[in-house]
């Protein structure tokens, strides 16, 4: 496992799924909230809605954070895997 490649792959996967999730939420907000509530055993995600208009920054910034964090986690995972002899 190569740390850079693994980190990049995980980061791209997370960002793509985050973008798809954001698009579905923007297109179908009420069914999406129903799905999220059911997915998390009835936890009410509607309480997180602020009522303020959505800005591009509120979508782009978390996506950037997800990209950086997941790259670091993926690269660390691959490095640790190799360091513990996982390739043998």
N, C-alpha and C. Protein backbone atom coordinates (compact mmCIF):
# COMPACT_ATOMS: atom_id res chain seq x y z
N UNK A 1 0.85 -1.17 0.00
CA UNK A 1 0.00 0.00 0.00
C UNK A 1 0.90 1.24 0.00
N UNK A 2 0.57 2.17 -0.86
CA UNK A 2 1.34 3.41 -0.95
C UNK A 2 0.59 4.52 -0.22
N UNK A 3 1.23 5.16 0.76
CA UNK A 3 0.53 6.18 1.56
C UNK A 3 -0.10 7.30 0.74
N UNK A 4 0.66 7.88 -0.21
CA UNK A 4 0.12 9.00 -0.99
C UNK A 4 -1.09 8.56 -1.80
N UNK A 5 -0.96 7.42 -2.48
CA UNK A 5 -2.05 6.92 -3.32
C UNK A 5 -3.28 6.55 -2.49
N UNK A 6 -3.06 5.90 -1.36
CA UNK A 6 -4.17 5.52 -0.50
C UNK A 6 -4.87 6.76 0.06
N UNK A 7 -4.08 7.74 0.51
CA UNK A 7 -4.66 8.99 1.02
C UNK A 7 -5.46 9.72 -0.04
N UNK A 8 -4.92 9.78 -1.25
CA UNK A 8 -5.61 10.45 -2.34
C UNK A 8 -6.90 9.72 -2.72
N UNK A 9 -6.85 8.40 -2.74
CA UNK A 9 -8.03 7.61 -3.07
C UNK A 9 -9.13 7.79 -2.03
N UNK A 10 -8.78 7.72 -0.76
CA UNK A 10 -9.77 7.92 0.30
C UNK A 10 -10.33 9.33 0.25
N UNK A 11 -9.47 10.31 0.06
CA UNK A 11 -9.90 11.70 0.01
C UNK A 11 -10.87 11.93 -1.15
N UNK A 12 -10.55 11.42 -2.32
CA UNK A 12 -11.43 11.59 -3.48
C UNK A 12 -12.78 10.91 -3.24
N UNK A 13 -12.75 9.73 -2.65
CA UNK A 13 -13.99 9.00 -2.37
C UNK A 13 -14.87 9.78 -1.41
N UNK A 14 -14.30 10.29 -0.34
CA UNK A 14 -15.06 11.04 0.66
C UNK A 14 -15.65 12.31 0.05
N UNK A 15 -14.85 13.04 -0.73
CA UNK A 15 -15.32 14.30 -1.32
C UNK A 15 -16.43 14.03 -2.35
N UNK A 16 -16.31 12.98 -3.14
CA UNK A 16 -17.35 12.65 -4.11
C UNK A 16 -18.65 12.31 -3.39
N UNK A 17 -18.58 11.49 -2.35
CA UNK A 17 -19.79 11.13 -1.62
C UNK A 17 -20.36 12.34 -0.88
N UNK A 18 -19.51 13.22 -0.37
CA UNK A 18 -19.99 14.45 0.28
C UNK A 18 -20.72 15.33 -0.73
N UNK A 19 -20.15 15.46 -1.93
CA UNK A 19 -20.79 16.28 -2.98
C UNK A 19 -22.14 15.68 -3.37
N UNK A 20 -22.20 14.37 -3.55
CA UNK A 20 -23.47 13.72 -3.89
C UNK A 20 -24.50 13.90 -2.79
N UNK A 21 -24.07 13.78 -1.56
CA UNK A 21 -24.96 13.97 -0.41
C UNK A 21 -25.49 15.40 -0.40
N UNK A 22 -24.64 16.37 -0.66
CA UNK A 22 -25.07 17.77 -0.68
C UNK A 22 -26.06 18.03 -1.80
N UNK A 23 -25.83 17.45 -2.97
CA UNK A 23 -26.74 17.63 -4.10
C UNK A 23 -28.11 17.04 -3.80
N UNK A 24 -28.14 15.84 -3.24
CA UNK A 24 -29.42 15.21 -2.89
C UNK A 24 -30.14 16.04 -1.84
N UNK A 25 -29.40 16.54 -0.86
CA UNK A 25 -30.03 17.37 0.18
C UNK A 25 -30.61 18.66 -0.41
N UNK A 26 -29.88 19.29 -1.34
CA UNK A 26 -30.38 20.51 -1.96
C UNK A 26 -31.61 20.24 -2.83
N UNK A 27 -31.63 19.10 -3.51
CA UNK A 27 -32.73 18.78 -4.41
C UNK A 27 -33.98 18.29 -3.67
N UNK A 28 -33.76 17.53 -2.61
CA UNK A 28 -34.89 16.89 -1.90
C UNK A 28 -34.70 17.04 -0.38
N UNK A 29 -34.81 18.25 0.16
CA UNK A 29 -34.48 18.45 1.57
C UNK A 29 -35.33 17.64 2.56
N UNK A 30 -36.64 17.59 2.36
CA UNK A 30 -37.49 16.87 3.32
C UNK A 30 -37.30 15.35 3.26
N UNK A 31 -37.33 14.73 2.06
CA UNK A 31 -37.06 13.28 2.01
C UNK A 31 -35.65 12.94 2.50
N UNK A 32 -34.70 13.82 2.26
CA UNK A 32 -33.34 13.59 2.72
C UNK A 32 -33.29 13.58 4.24
N UNK A 33 -33.97 14.52 4.87
CA UNK A 33 -34.00 14.56 6.34
C UNK A 33 -34.69 13.32 6.90
N UNK A 34 -35.75 12.88 6.25
CA UNK A 34 -36.42 11.65 6.69
C UNK A 34 -35.46 10.46 6.59
N UNK A 35 -34.71 10.39 5.50
CA UNK A 35 -33.73 9.32 5.33
C UNK A 35 -32.65 9.38 6.41
N UNK A 36 -32.10 10.56 6.66
CA UNK A 36 -31.04 10.71 7.67
C UNK A 36 -31.57 10.33 9.06
N UNK A 37 -32.77 10.76 9.38
CA UNK A 37 -33.35 10.41 10.68
C UNK A 37 -33.52 8.90 10.82
N UNK A 38 -33.97 8.25 9.75
CA UNK A 38 -34.14 6.79 9.79
C UNK A 38 -32.78 6.09 9.84
N UNK A 39 -31.82 6.60 9.10
CA UNK A 39 -30.48 6.00 9.07
C UNK A 39 -29.82 6.01 10.45
N UNK A 40 -30.05 7.07 11.19
CA UNK A 40 -29.44 7.20 12.51
C UNK A 40 -30.44 6.94 13.64
N UNK A 41 -31.33 5.98 13.41
CA UNK A 41 -32.24 5.46 14.44
C UNK A 41 -33.08 6.54 15.11
N UNK A 42 -33.59 7.46 14.32
CA UNK A 42 -34.52 8.45 14.84
C UNK A 42 -33.89 9.72 15.39
N UNK A 43 -32.56 9.84 15.31
CA UNK A 43 -31.92 11.09 15.72
C UNK A 43 -32.45 12.21 14.83
N UNK A 44 -32.93 13.29 15.41
CA UNK A 44 -33.59 14.35 14.64
C UNK A 44 -32.58 15.35 14.10
N UNK A 45 -32.25 15.22 12.82
CA UNK A 45 -31.31 16.13 12.18
C UNK A 45 -31.94 17.47 11.83
N UNK A 46 -33.25 17.57 11.90
CA UNK A 46 -33.91 18.85 11.61
C UNK A 46 -33.49 19.92 12.62
N UNK A 47 -33.11 19.51 13.80
CA UNK A 47 -32.68 20.48 14.82
C UNK A 47 -31.40 21.21 14.42
N UNK A 48 -30.65 20.64 13.48
CA UNK A 48 -29.41 21.27 13.02
C UNK A 48 -29.66 22.34 11.96
N UNK A 49 -30.86 22.37 11.41
CA UNK A 49 -31.18 23.36 10.40
C UNK A 49 -31.35 24.72 11.07
N UNK A 50 -30.67 25.73 10.52
CA UNK A 50 -30.68 27.05 11.13
C UNK A 50 -31.74 27.98 10.56
N UNK A 51 -32.22 27.69 9.37
CA UNK A 51 -33.16 28.59 8.73
C UNK A 51 -32.48 29.69 7.95
N UNK A 52 -31.16 29.80 8.06
CA UNK A 52 -30.41 30.79 7.30
C UNK A 52 -30.21 30.29 5.87
N UNK A 53 -30.12 31.22 4.91
CA UNK A 53 -29.89 30.80 3.54
C UNK A 53 -28.54 30.08 3.38
N UNK A 54 -28.54 29.09 2.50
CA UNK A 54 -27.35 28.30 2.26
C UNK A 54 -26.38 29.08 1.37
N UNK A 55 -25.12 29.09 1.74
CA UNK A 55 -24.10 29.73 0.92
C UNK A 55 -23.18 28.66 0.35
N UNK A 56 -22.50 29.01 -0.74
CA UNK A 56 -21.53 28.06 -1.32
C UNK A 56 -20.43 27.75 -0.33
N UNK A 57 -20.05 28.73 0.46
CA UNK A 57 -18.96 28.53 1.43
C UNK A 57 -19.32 27.45 2.44
N UNK A 58 -20.59 27.36 2.81
CA UNK A 58 -21.01 26.36 3.80
C UNK A 58 -20.99 24.94 3.22
N UNK A 59 -20.82 24.82 1.91
CA UNK A 59 -20.66 23.51 1.27
C UNK A 59 -19.19 23.26 0.93
N UNK A 60 -18.53 24.26 0.40
CA UNK A 60 -17.13 24.11 -0.04
C UNK A 60 -16.18 23.91 1.14
N UNK A 61 -16.34 24.70 2.19
CA UNK A 61 -15.42 24.62 3.32
C UNK A 61 -15.42 23.24 4.00
N UNK A 62 -16.57 22.67 4.33
CA UNK A 62 -16.55 21.32 4.90
C UNK A 62 -15.98 20.29 3.93
N UNK A 63 -16.24 20.45 2.62
CA UNK A 63 -15.67 19.54 1.63
C UNK A 63 -14.15 19.59 1.64
N UNK A 64 -13.60 20.79 1.78
CA UNK A 64 -12.15 20.95 1.86
C UNK A 64 -11.61 20.29 3.13
N UNK A 65 -12.28 20.49 4.24
CA UNK A 65 -11.87 19.87 5.50
C UNK A 65 -11.91 18.35 5.39
N UNK A 66 -12.99 17.82 4.80
CA UNK A 66 -13.09 16.37 4.58
C UNK A 66 -11.93 15.87 3.71
N UNK A 67 -11.59 16.62 2.67
CA UNK A 67 -10.52 16.21 1.75
C UNK A 67 -9.18 16.12 2.48
N UNK A 68 -8.85 17.15 3.24
CA UNK A 68 -7.57 17.18 3.96
C UNK A 68 -7.53 16.09 5.03
N UNK A 69 -8.58 15.99 5.82
CA UNK A 69 -8.61 15.02 6.92
C UNK A 69 -8.56 13.59 6.39
N UNK A 70 -9.35 13.29 5.37
CA UNK A 70 -9.37 11.92 4.85
C UNK A 70 -8.08 11.56 4.13
N UNK A 71 -7.43 12.54 3.49
CA UNK A 71 -6.13 12.26 2.90
C UNK A 71 -5.13 11.88 4.00
N UNK A 72 -5.11 12.66 5.07
CA UNK A 72 -4.19 12.39 6.17
C UNK A 72 -4.49 11.02 6.79
N UNK A 73 -5.76 10.71 6.99
CA UNK A 73 -6.13 9.42 7.59
C UNK A 73 -5.75 8.26 6.67
N UNK A 74 -6.00 8.40 5.38
CA UNK A 74 -5.67 7.34 4.42
C UNK A 74 -4.17 7.13 4.30
N UNK A 75 -3.41 8.22 4.24
CA UNK A 75 -1.96 8.12 4.15
C UNK A 75 -1.38 7.49 5.41
N UNK A 76 -1.90 7.90 6.56
CA UNK A 76 -1.43 7.32 7.82
C UNK A 76 -1.77 5.83 7.90
N UNK A 77 -2.98 5.47 7.48
CA UNK A 77 -3.39 4.08 7.49
C UNK A 77 -2.44 3.23 6.64
N UNK A 78 -2.15 3.69 5.43
CA UNK A 78 -1.25 2.94 4.54
C UNK A 78 0.15 2.85 5.12
N UNK A 79 0.65 3.96 5.69
CA UNK A 79 1.98 3.95 6.30
C UNK A 79 2.02 2.98 7.47
N UNK A 80 1.01 3.02 8.33
CA UNK A 80 0.96 2.13 9.48
C UNK A 80 0.84 0.67 9.05
N UNK A 81 0.03 0.43 8.06
CA UNK A 81 -0.15 -0.92 7.52
C UNK A 81 1.20 -1.49 7.07
N UNK A 82 1.95 -0.70 6.33
CA UNK A 82 3.27 -1.13 5.85
C UNK A 82 4.26 -1.26 7.01
N UNK A 83 4.19 -0.35 7.95
CA UNK A 83 5.12 -0.38 9.09
C UNK A 83 4.91 -1.61 9.97
N UNK A 84 3.69 -2.09 10.01
CA UNK A 84 3.39 -3.28 10.82
C UNK A 84 3.52 -4.57 10.02
N UNK A 85 4.09 -4.46 8.84
CA UNK A 85 4.35 -5.64 8.04
C UNK A 85 3.13 -6.15 7.28
N UNK A 86 2.19 -5.27 7.00
CA UNK A 86 0.95 -5.68 6.34
C UNK A 86 1.13 -6.10 4.90
N UNK A 87 2.22 -5.72 4.26
CA UNK A 87 2.42 -6.07 2.85
C UNK A 87 3.00 -7.46 2.66
N UNK A 88 3.31 -8.17 3.73
CA UNK A 88 3.96 -9.47 3.59
C UNK A 88 3.00 -10.59 3.76
